[in-house]
N, C-alpha and C. Protein backbone atom coordinates (compact mmCIF):
# COMPACT_ATOMS: atom_id res chain seq x y z
N MET A 1 0.86 -1.18 0.00
CA MET A 1 0.00 0.00 0.00
C MET A 1 0.89 1.23 0.00
N SER A 2 0.59 2.16 -0.86
CA SER A 2 1.38 3.38 -0.99
C SER A 2 0.65 4.55 -0.35
N GLU A 3 1.40 5.36 0.40
CA GLU A 3 0.80 6.56 0.98
C GLU A 3 1.17 7.79 0.18
N GLN A 4 1.93 7.61 -0.88
CA GLN A 4 2.34 8.73 -1.69
C GLN A 4 1.40 8.88 -2.89
N PRO A 5 1.01 10.12 -3.23
CA PRO A 5 0.15 10.31 -4.38
C PRO A 5 0.86 9.93 -5.67
N ASP A 6 0.12 9.53 -6.67
CA ASP A 6 0.66 9.21 -7.98
C ASP A 6 1.08 10.51 -8.64
N SER A 7 2.39 10.69 -8.81
CA SER A 7 2.89 11.96 -9.33
C SER A 7 2.50 12.18 -10.79
N ALA A 8 2.04 11.14 -11.49
CA ALA A 8 1.62 11.31 -12.87
C ALA A 8 0.25 11.99 -12.97
N LEU A 9 -0.50 12.03 -11.87
CA LEU A 9 -1.80 12.70 -11.87
C LEU A 9 -1.58 14.18 -11.56
N PRO A 10 -2.36 15.05 -12.19
CA PRO A 10 -2.15 16.48 -11.97
C PRO A 10 -2.54 16.90 -10.57
N LYS A 11 -1.84 17.92 -10.06
CA LYS A 11 -2.22 18.53 -8.79
C LYS A 11 -3.54 19.27 -9.00
N ILE A 12 -4.30 19.39 -7.94
CA ILE A 12 -5.58 20.07 -8.01
C ILE A 12 -5.57 21.24 -7.05
N ASP A 13 -5.85 22.42 -7.56
CA ASP A 13 -6.09 23.56 -6.69
C ASP A 13 -7.59 23.79 -6.72
N PRO A 14 -8.33 23.36 -5.67
CA PRO A 14 -9.78 23.43 -5.71
C PRO A 14 -10.32 24.82 -6.02
N ALA A 15 -9.59 25.85 -5.66
CA ALA A 15 -10.08 27.20 -5.91
C ALA A 15 -10.07 27.53 -7.39
N GLY A 16 -9.24 26.83 -8.16
CA GLY A 16 -9.12 27.14 -9.57
C GLY A 16 -9.68 26.08 -10.50
N VAL A 17 -10.40 25.10 -9.95
CA VAL A 17 -10.90 24.00 -10.76
C VAL A 17 -12.32 24.28 -11.23
N ASP A 18 -12.54 24.10 -12.50
CA ASP A 18 -13.88 24.23 -13.07
C ASP A 18 -14.71 23.04 -12.59
N PRO A 19 -15.86 23.28 -11.94
CA PRO A 19 -16.70 22.17 -11.48
C PRO A 19 -17.08 21.19 -12.59
N LYS A 20 -17.15 21.65 -13.83
CA LYS A 20 -17.48 20.76 -14.94
C LYS A 20 -16.35 19.75 -15.20
N VAL A 21 -15.09 20.16 -14.96
CA VAL A 21 -13.97 19.23 -15.10
C VAL A 21 -14.08 18.17 -14.02
N VAL A 22 -14.34 18.60 -12.80
CA VAL A 22 -14.49 17.64 -11.69
C VAL A 22 -15.65 16.69 -11.98
N GLU A 23 -16.73 17.24 -12.48
CA GLU A 23 -17.89 16.41 -12.80
C GLU A 23 -17.53 15.36 -13.85
N ALA A 24 -16.77 15.74 -14.87
CA ALA A 24 -16.36 14.79 -15.89
C ALA A 24 -15.49 13.69 -15.30
N ILE A 25 -14.60 14.08 -14.38
CA ILE A 25 -13.74 13.09 -13.74
C ILE A 25 -14.56 12.16 -12.86
N VAL A 26 -15.47 12.72 -12.06
CA VAL A 26 -16.30 11.92 -11.17
C VAL A 26 -17.16 10.95 -11.97
N LEU A 27 -17.80 11.46 -13.01
CA LEU A 27 -18.71 10.61 -13.77
C LEU A 27 -17.97 9.52 -14.52
N LYS A 28 -16.75 9.79 -14.97
CA LYS A 28 -15.97 8.75 -15.64
C LYS A 28 -15.36 7.78 -14.63
N GLY A 29 -15.01 8.29 -13.47
CA GLY A 29 -14.31 7.46 -12.48
C GLY A 29 -15.22 6.71 -11.54
N ILE A 30 -16.45 7.18 -11.35
CA ILE A 30 -17.38 6.54 -10.42
C ILE A 30 -18.69 6.28 -11.17
N PRO A 31 -18.81 5.13 -11.83
CA PRO A 31 -19.98 4.88 -12.68
C PRO A 31 -21.32 5.01 -11.96
N HIS A 32 -21.40 4.67 -10.68
CA HIS A 32 -22.71 4.78 -10.02
C HIS A 32 -23.12 6.25 -9.85
N CYS A 33 -22.15 7.17 -9.81
CA CYS A 33 -22.50 8.61 -9.77
C CYS A 33 -23.18 9.01 -11.07
N ALA A 34 -22.66 8.50 -12.18
CA ALA A 34 -23.29 8.78 -13.47
C ALA A 34 -24.69 8.18 -13.51
N ALA A 35 -24.83 6.96 -13.02
CA ALA A 35 -26.15 6.31 -13.04
C ALA A 35 -27.16 7.06 -12.18
N LEU A 36 -26.71 7.63 -11.06
CA LEU A 36 -27.60 8.38 -10.18
C LEU A 36 -27.87 9.80 -10.70
N GLY A 37 -26.97 10.30 -11.55
CA GLY A 37 -27.13 11.66 -12.07
C GLY A 37 -26.52 12.72 -11.18
N ILE A 38 -25.57 12.35 -10.34
CA ILE A 38 -24.93 13.31 -9.43
C ILE A 38 -24.20 14.38 -10.23
N LYS A 39 -24.32 15.62 -9.80
CA LYS A 39 -23.72 16.78 -10.46
C LYS A 39 -22.83 17.53 -9.46
N VAL A 40 -21.79 18.17 -9.98
CA VAL A 40 -20.92 19.01 -9.16
C VAL A 40 -21.49 20.43 -9.18
N VAL A 41 -21.75 20.98 -8.00
CA VAL A 41 -22.26 22.35 -7.88
C VAL A 41 -21.10 23.30 -7.62
N ALA A 42 -20.23 22.96 -6.67
CA ALA A 42 -19.11 23.84 -6.32
C ALA A 42 -17.99 23.02 -5.71
N ILE A 43 -16.77 23.50 -5.91
CA ILE A 43 -15.61 22.88 -5.29
C ILE A 43 -14.65 23.99 -4.91
N GLY A 44 -14.09 23.89 -3.70
CA GLY A 44 -13.15 24.91 -3.23
C GLY A 44 -12.39 24.40 -2.03
N HIS A 45 -11.48 25.23 -1.53
CA HIS A 45 -10.70 24.85 -0.35
C HIS A 45 -11.58 24.61 0.86
N ASP A 46 -12.73 25.30 0.92
CA ASP A 46 -13.60 25.17 2.09
C ASP A 46 -14.60 24.03 1.97
N GLY A 47 -14.62 23.33 0.86
CA GLY A 47 -15.50 22.18 0.74
C GLY A 47 -16.02 21.96 -0.66
N VAL A 48 -16.91 20.99 -0.76
CA VAL A 48 -17.48 20.56 -2.03
C VAL A 48 -18.98 20.46 -1.87
N THR A 49 -19.71 20.85 -2.92
CA THR A 49 -21.16 20.68 -2.94
C THR A 49 -21.54 19.92 -4.21
N LEU A 50 -22.31 18.86 -4.04
CA LEU A 50 -22.83 18.06 -5.13
C LEU A 50 -24.35 18.09 -5.07
N SER A 51 -25.00 17.74 -6.17
CA SER A 51 -26.45 17.65 -6.17
C SER A 51 -26.91 16.34 -6.77
N LEU A 52 -28.09 15.94 -6.35
CA LEU A 52 -28.75 14.75 -6.87
C LEU A 52 -30.13 15.20 -7.35
N PRO A 53 -30.28 15.39 -8.66
CA PRO A 53 -31.60 15.79 -9.16
C PRO A 53 -32.64 14.71 -8.83
N TYR A 54 -33.85 15.15 -8.59
CA TYR A 54 -34.91 14.18 -8.27
C TYR A 54 -35.12 13.26 -9.47
N ASN A 55 -35.26 11.98 -9.19
CA ASN A 55 -35.47 10.97 -10.21
C ASN A 55 -36.45 9.95 -9.66
N PRO A 56 -37.58 9.74 -10.29
CA PRO A 56 -38.56 8.78 -9.77
C PRO A 56 -38.01 7.36 -9.63
N ASP A 57 -36.94 7.04 -10.39
CA ASP A 57 -36.33 5.72 -10.27
C ASP A 57 -35.61 5.54 -8.94
N LEU A 58 -35.36 6.63 -8.22
CA LEU A 58 -34.64 6.57 -6.94
C LEU A 58 -35.56 6.66 -5.74
N VAL A 59 -36.85 6.56 -5.96
CA VAL A 59 -37.83 6.68 -4.89
C VAL A 59 -37.81 5.43 -4.01
N GLY A 60 -37.83 5.65 -2.70
CA GLY A 60 -37.87 4.55 -1.75
C GLY A 60 -39.28 4.23 -1.28
N ASP A 61 -40.15 5.21 -1.28
CA ASP A 61 -41.54 5.04 -0.86
C ASP A 61 -42.44 5.55 -1.99
N PRO A 62 -43.04 4.63 -2.75
CA PRO A 62 -43.84 5.07 -3.89
C PRO A 62 -45.08 5.88 -3.53
N VAL A 63 -45.56 5.75 -2.31
CA VAL A 63 -46.74 6.51 -1.90
C VAL A 63 -46.39 7.98 -1.71
N SER A 64 -45.29 8.25 -0.98
CA SER A 64 -44.90 9.64 -0.70
C SER A 64 -43.95 10.22 -1.73
N GLY A 65 -43.24 9.37 -2.48
CA GLY A 65 -42.26 9.84 -3.45
C GLY A 65 -40.92 10.20 -2.84
N VAL A 66 -40.71 9.87 -1.57
CA VAL A 66 -39.46 10.17 -0.86
C VAL A 66 -38.31 9.36 -1.45
N LEU A 67 -37.15 10.01 -1.58
CA LEU A 67 -35.97 9.32 -2.10
C LEU A 67 -35.54 8.17 -1.20
N HIS A 68 -35.01 7.13 -1.82
CA HIS A 68 -34.48 5.98 -1.08
C HIS A 68 -33.23 6.40 -0.30
N GLY A 69 -33.09 5.88 0.90
CA GLY A 69 -31.94 6.20 1.74
C GLY A 69 -30.61 5.84 1.10
N GLY A 70 -30.60 4.81 0.25
CA GLY A 70 -29.37 4.43 -0.44
C GLY A 70 -28.88 5.50 -1.39
N ALA A 71 -29.81 6.21 -2.04
CA ALA A 71 -29.43 7.31 -2.93
C ALA A 71 -28.84 8.46 -2.13
N VAL A 72 -29.45 8.74 -0.98
CA VAL A 72 -28.94 9.79 -0.10
C VAL A 72 -27.54 9.41 0.41
N THR A 73 -27.38 8.15 0.81
CA THR A 73 -26.08 7.67 1.29
C THR A 73 -25.02 7.80 0.21
N SER A 74 -25.34 7.43 -1.03
CA SER A 74 -24.38 7.54 -2.13
C SER A 74 -23.95 8.98 -2.35
N LEU A 75 -24.92 9.89 -2.32
CA LEU A 75 -24.60 11.31 -2.48
C LEU A 75 -23.68 11.80 -1.36
N VAL A 76 -24.00 11.47 -0.13
CA VAL A 76 -23.22 11.93 1.02
C VAL A 76 -21.82 11.31 1.03
N ASP A 77 -21.71 10.03 0.71
CA ASP A 77 -20.40 9.37 0.66
C ASP A 77 -19.55 10.00 -0.45
N THR A 78 -20.14 10.25 -1.60
CA THR A 78 -19.40 10.83 -2.72
C THR A 78 -18.93 12.24 -2.42
N VAL A 79 -19.80 13.08 -1.87
CA VAL A 79 -19.39 14.46 -1.56
C VAL A 79 -18.31 14.45 -0.48
N SER A 80 -18.39 13.52 0.45
CA SER A 80 -17.37 13.43 1.50
C SER A 80 -16.01 13.05 0.90
N GLY A 81 -16.00 12.07 0.01
CA GLY A 81 -14.75 11.70 -0.66
C GLY A 81 -14.19 12.82 -1.51
N MET A 82 -15.06 13.55 -2.19
CA MET A 82 -14.60 14.69 -2.99
C MET A 82 -14.00 15.78 -2.12
N ALA A 83 -14.53 15.95 -0.90
CA ALA A 83 -13.95 16.93 0.03
C ALA A 83 -12.54 16.53 0.43
N VAL A 84 -12.29 15.22 0.54
CA VAL A 84 -10.94 14.74 0.84
C VAL A 84 -10.01 15.08 -0.33
N PHE A 85 -10.44 14.79 -1.57
CA PHE A 85 -9.62 15.14 -2.73
C PHE A 85 -9.31 16.63 -2.75
N ALA A 86 -10.29 17.46 -2.45
CA ALA A 86 -10.08 18.91 -2.45
C ALA A 86 -9.07 19.31 -1.38
N ALA A 87 -9.15 18.69 -0.21
CA ALA A 87 -8.20 19.01 0.87
C ALA A 87 -6.79 18.52 0.53
N LEU A 88 -6.69 17.34 -0.09
CA LEU A 88 -5.39 16.79 -0.47
C LEU A 88 -4.79 17.54 -1.65
N GLN A 89 -5.65 18.16 -2.45
CA GLN A 89 -5.26 18.81 -3.70
C GLN A 89 -4.56 17.82 -4.62
N GLN A 90 -5.03 16.56 -4.57
CA GLN A 90 -4.45 15.50 -5.38
C GLN A 90 -5.46 14.38 -5.48
N LEU A 91 -5.68 13.87 -6.68
CA LEU A 91 -6.47 12.66 -6.81
C LEU A 91 -5.60 11.50 -6.36
N GLN A 92 -6.03 10.84 -5.33
CA GLN A 92 -5.26 9.78 -4.71
C GLN A 92 -6.26 8.75 -4.21
N ALA A 93 -5.88 7.50 -4.24
CA ALA A 93 -6.78 6.45 -3.77
C ALA A 93 -7.15 6.69 -2.31
N ILE A 94 -8.45 6.64 -2.03
CA ILE A 94 -8.95 6.73 -0.66
C ILE A 94 -10.00 5.64 -0.47
N ALA A 95 -10.26 5.29 0.76
CA ALA A 95 -11.31 4.32 1.06
C ALA A 95 -12.11 4.82 2.25
N THR A 96 -13.42 4.67 2.17
CA THR A 96 -14.29 5.04 3.28
C THR A 96 -14.07 4.05 4.41
N LEU A 97 -13.65 4.53 5.57
CA LEU A 97 -13.49 3.68 6.74
C LEU A 97 -14.75 3.67 7.59
N ASP A 98 -15.32 4.85 7.77
CA ASP A 98 -16.52 4.97 8.60
C ASP A 98 -17.38 6.08 8.03
N LEU A 99 -18.67 5.81 7.94
CA LEU A 99 -19.62 6.79 7.43
C LEU A 99 -20.85 6.70 8.32
N ARG A 100 -20.98 7.68 9.19
CA ARG A 100 -22.13 7.70 10.08
C ARG A 100 -23.08 8.77 9.60
N ILE A 101 -24.30 8.37 9.24
CA ILE A 101 -25.30 9.31 8.76
C ILE A 101 -26.50 9.30 9.69
N ASP A 102 -26.87 10.48 10.14
CA ASP A 102 -28.11 10.65 10.89
C ASP A 102 -29.13 11.21 9.92
N TYR A 103 -30.20 10.45 9.68
CA TYR A 103 -31.28 10.92 8.81
C TYR A 103 -32.24 11.73 9.67
N LEU A 104 -32.34 13.01 9.38
CA LEU A 104 -33.11 13.93 10.20
C LEU A 104 -34.54 14.12 9.71
N LYS A 105 -34.75 13.96 8.42
CA LYS A 105 -36.08 14.06 7.83
C LYS A 105 -36.01 13.47 6.43
N PRO A 106 -37.14 13.15 5.83
CA PRO A 106 -37.11 12.57 4.48
C PRO A 106 -36.67 13.58 3.43
N ALA A 107 -36.02 13.06 2.40
CA ALA A 107 -35.71 13.87 1.22
C ALA A 107 -37.01 13.99 0.43
N LEU A 108 -37.51 15.18 0.27
CA LEU A 108 -38.84 15.42 -0.28
C LEU A 108 -38.99 15.00 -1.74
N ALA A 109 -40.19 14.56 -2.07
CA ALA A 109 -40.52 14.18 -3.43
C ALA A 109 -40.41 15.39 -4.36
N GLU A 110 -39.96 15.11 -5.57
CA GLU A 110 -39.88 16.13 -6.63
C GLU A 110 -38.87 17.24 -6.33
N LYS A 111 -37.98 17.06 -5.34
CA LYS A 111 -37.01 18.10 -4.98
C LYS A 111 -35.58 17.60 -5.19
N GLU A 112 -34.77 18.46 -5.77
CA GLU A 112 -33.35 18.16 -5.91
C GLU A 112 -32.73 18.16 -4.51
N LEU A 113 -31.76 17.28 -4.30
CA LEU A 113 -31.08 17.19 -3.01
C LEU A 113 -29.63 17.63 -3.18
N TYR A 114 -29.15 18.49 -2.29
CA TYR A 114 -27.76 18.93 -2.28
C TYR A 114 -27.05 18.28 -1.11
N ALA A 115 -25.74 18.14 -1.24
CA ALA A 115 -24.90 17.70 -0.13
C ALA A 115 -23.61 18.51 -0.17
N THR A 116 -23.21 19.00 0.99
CA THR A 116 -22.00 19.79 1.14
C THR A 116 -21.11 19.10 2.17
N ALA A 117 -19.81 19.06 1.89
CA ALA A 117 -18.87 18.41 2.82
C ALA A 117 -17.60 19.22 2.94
N GLU A 118 -16.99 19.11 4.10
CA GLU A 118 -15.68 19.72 4.31
C GLU A 118 -14.79 18.71 5.03
N CYS A 119 -13.54 18.66 4.59
CA CYS A 119 -12.54 17.84 5.27
C CYS A 119 -11.92 18.74 6.33
N TYR A 120 -12.24 18.48 7.59
CA TYR A 120 -11.81 19.39 8.65
C TYR A 120 -10.50 18.99 9.32
N ARG A 121 -9.99 17.78 8.98
CA ARG A 121 -8.70 17.36 9.56
C ARG A 121 -8.08 16.31 8.66
N LEU A 122 -6.81 16.49 8.36
CA LEU A 122 -6.03 15.52 7.60
C LEU A 122 -4.85 15.07 8.44
N THR A 123 -4.64 13.78 8.52
CA THR A 123 -3.39 13.26 9.06
C THR A 123 -2.65 12.62 7.90
N ARG A 124 -1.54 11.97 8.17
CA ARG A 124 -0.79 11.34 7.09
C ARG A 124 -1.60 10.24 6.40
N SER A 125 -2.46 9.56 7.16
CA SER A 125 -3.17 8.42 6.58
C SER A 125 -4.69 8.45 6.74
N ILE A 126 -5.22 9.43 7.47
CA ILE A 126 -6.67 9.48 7.71
C ILE A 126 -7.19 10.90 7.44
N ALA A 127 -8.37 10.97 6.82
CA ALA A 127 -9.06 12.25 6.60
C ALA A 127 -10.38 12.21 7.36
N PHE A 128 -10.72 13.31 8.00
CA PHE A 128 -11.95 13.43 8.77
C PHE A 128 -12.85 14.44 8.08
N VAL A 129 -14.10 14.05 7.86
CA VAL A 129 -15.03 14.87 7.06
C VAL A 129 -16.35 15.00 7.79
N ARG A 130 -16.99 16.16 7.61
CA ARG A 130 -18.38 16.34 8.03
C ARG A 130 -19.16 16.79 6.82
N ALA A 131 -20.40 16.30 6.73
CA ALA A 131 -21.23 16.61 5.57
C ALA A 131 -22.69 16.75 6.00
N ARG A 132 -23.46 17.36 5.13
CA ARG A 132 -24.90 17.47 5.37
C ARG A 132 -25.60 17.44 4.02
N ALA A 133 -26.81 16.90 4.03
CA ALA A 133 -27.66 16.88 2.84
C ALA A 133 -28.87 17.76 3.13
N TYR A 134 -29.33 18.48 2.10
CA TYR A 134 -30.41 19.44 2.30
C TYR A 134 -31.04 19.77 0.95
N HIS A 135 -32.19 20.35 0.99
CA HIS A 135 -32.82 20.88 -0.22
C HIS A 135 -32.33 22.32 -0.38
N PRO A 136 -31.97 22.73 -1.60
CA PRO A 136 -31.33 24.05 -1.78
C PRO A 136 -32.19 25.23 -1.31
N GLU A 137 -33.50 25.08 -1.31
CA GLU A 137 -34.35 26.19 -0.86
C GLU A 137 -34.39 26.29 0.66
N ALA A 138 -33.85 25.28 1.38
CA ALA A 138 -33.83 25.31 2.85
C ALA A 138 -32.51 24.73 3.35
N PRO A 139 -31.38 25.41 3.11
CA PRO A 139 -30.07 24.85 3.44
C PRO A 139 -29.83 24.62 4.93
N ASP A 140 -30.59 25.27 5.79
CA ASP A 140 -30.41 25.06 7.23
C ASP A 140 -31.35 24.01 7.81
N ASP A 141 -32.21 23.46 6.99
CA ASP A 141 -33.15 22.41 7.40
C ASP A 141 -32.66 21.09 6.81
N TRP A 142 -31.69 20.47 7.47
CA TRP A 142 -30.97 19.33 6.93
C TRP A 142 -31.82 18.08 6.82
N VAL A 143 -31.60 17.36 5.74
CA VAL A 143 -32.18 16.03 5.54
C VAL A 143 -31.34 15.00 6.28
N ALA A 144 -30.02 15.18 6.22
CA ALA A 144 -29.10 14.24 6.88
C ALA A 144 -27.83 14.97 7.31
N ASN A 145 -27.21 14.43 8.35
CA ASN A 145 -25.95 14.92 8.88
C ASN A 145 -24.98 13.74 8.86
N CYS A 146 -23.72 14.00 8.55
CA CYS A 146 -22.77 12.89 8.41
C CYS A 146 -21.40 13.25 9.00
N LEU A 147 -20.78 12.26 9.61
CA LEU A 147 -19.37 12.30 9.98
C LEU A 147 -18.72 11.09 9.34
N ALA A 148 -17.56 11.29 8.71
CA ALA A 148 -16.92 10.20 7.99
C ALA A 148 -15.41 10.25 8.18
N THR A 149 -14.79 9.09 8.05
CA THR A 149 -13.33 9.00 8.02
C THR A 149 -12.93 8.20 6.79
N PHE A 150 -11.81 8.60 6.21
CA PHE A 150 -11.29 7.96 5.00
C PHE A 150 -9.83 7.60 5.19
N MET A 151 -9.43 6.45 4.65
CA MET A 151 -8.03 6.07 4.62
C MET A 151 -7.42 6.72 3.38
N ILE A 152 -6.30 7.37 3.55
CA ILE A 152 -5.59 8.00 2.44
C ILE A 152 -4.53 7.02 1.95
N GLY A 153 -4.39 6.88 0.64
CA GLY A 153 -3.40 5.96 0.08
C GLY A 153 -3.80 4.52 0.27
N SER A 154 -5.08 4.22 0.08
CA SER A 154 -5.60 2.88 0.34
C SER A 154 -5.21 1.87 -0.73
N SER A 155 -4.64 2.35 -1.83
CA SER A 155 -4.27 1.46 -2.93
C SER A 155 -3.15 2.12 -3.72
N ASP A 156 -2.42 1.30 -4.46
CA ASP A 156 -1.42 1.85 -5.37
C ASP A 156 -2.03 2.36 -6.65
N ARG A 157 -3.29 2.01 -6.90
CA ARG A 157 -3.99 2.43 -8.12
C ARG A 157 -4.65 3.79 -7.88
N PRO A 158 -4.63 4.65 -8.89
CA PRO A 158 -5.32 5.94 -8.75
C PRO A 158 -6.83 5.72 -8.70
N PRO A 159 -7.58 6.66 -8.10
CA PRO A 159 -9.02 6.49 -7.96
C PRO A 159 -9.78 6.54 -9.28
N VAL A 160 -9.21 7.18 -10.28
CA VAL A 160 -9.79 7.21 -11.62
C VAL A 160 -8.66 6.99 -12.62
N ALA A 161 -9.01 6.56 -13.79
CA ALA A 161 -8.00 6.33 -14.82
C ALA A 161 -7.30 7.64 -15.17
N LYS A 162 -5.99 7.57 -15.31
CA LYS A 162 -5.21 8.76 -15.65
C LYS A 162 -5.71 9.40 -16.95
N ASP A 163 -6.07 8.56 -17.92
CA ASP A 163 -6.57 9.10 -19.19
C ASP A 163 -7.86 9.88 -19.00
N ALA A 164 -8.73 9.44 -18.10
CA ALA A 164 -9.99 10.15 -17.84
C ALA A 164 -9.69 11.54 -17.28
N VAL A 165 -8.71 11.64 -16.40
CA VAL A 165 -8.33 12.93 -15.83
C VAL A 165 -7.75 13.83 -16.92
N ARG A 166 -6.80 13.29 -17.67
CA ARG A 166 -6.16 14.10 -18.72
C ARG A 166 -7.19 14.56 -19.76
N ASN A 167 -8.07 13.65 -20.19
CA ASN A 167 -9.07 14.01 -21.20
C ASN A 167 -10.04 15.07 -20.68
N ALA A 168 -10.44 14.95 -19.41
CA ALA A 168 -11.37 15.94 -18.82
C ALA A 168 -10.70 17.30 -18.73
N VAL A 169 -9.42 17.34 -18.34
CA VAL A 169 -8.70 18.60 -18.23
C VAL A 169 -8.49 19.20 -19.63
N LYS A 170 -8.11 18.38 -20.61
CA LYS A 170 -7.92 18.87 -21.98
C LYS A 170 -9.23 19.39 -22.55
N GLY A 171 -10.31 18.65 -22.33
CA GLY A 171 -11.62 19.05 -22.85
C GLY A 171 -12.08 20.38 -22.29
N ALA A 172 -11.77 20.63 -21.04
CA ALA A 172 -12.17 21.89 -20.40
C ALA A 172 -11.32 23.06 -20.91
N ALA A 173 -10.07 22.75 -21.27
CA ALA A 173 -9.18 23.80 -21.74
C ALA A 173 -9.51 24.25 -23.17
N SER A 174 -10.16 23.37 -23.95
CA SER A 174 -10.45 23.74 -25.34
C SER A 174 -11.72 24.52 -25.49
């Protein structure tokens, strides 16, 4: 297991990264994000915000139209991992060690769901993240609250294919 980032992957300055480039990397590197329709809203040194547009295929309760908890979990786990990448300023293999989510209320039917995360502490091998999911029209009325830890350098393989990163960066530059 390597704790050093793959030097062949470009450094990332979250303050200067186009969210569309990150979205291209995420969607190419994490196929279930593409299947769910996850979008990048913002990325910066202070955190990452992703969205999950409402999709009837993701409904957990057909009577109320409430989103399935698994879709909410995927969004929160993904935004938390992206916050680690932003804090590291490097795409590097990470693994979710612990993801504790408190579901505070249902994700409403027909409403897009946002999730924001910040990596508040980095050690040499562990990243600590806090995240929340909410509807954009009520950002202080959380759907879920999360605390997570990630192992840094969990594999010698990069988290996404190097070609996907290079192609996304080249495509954004043109």
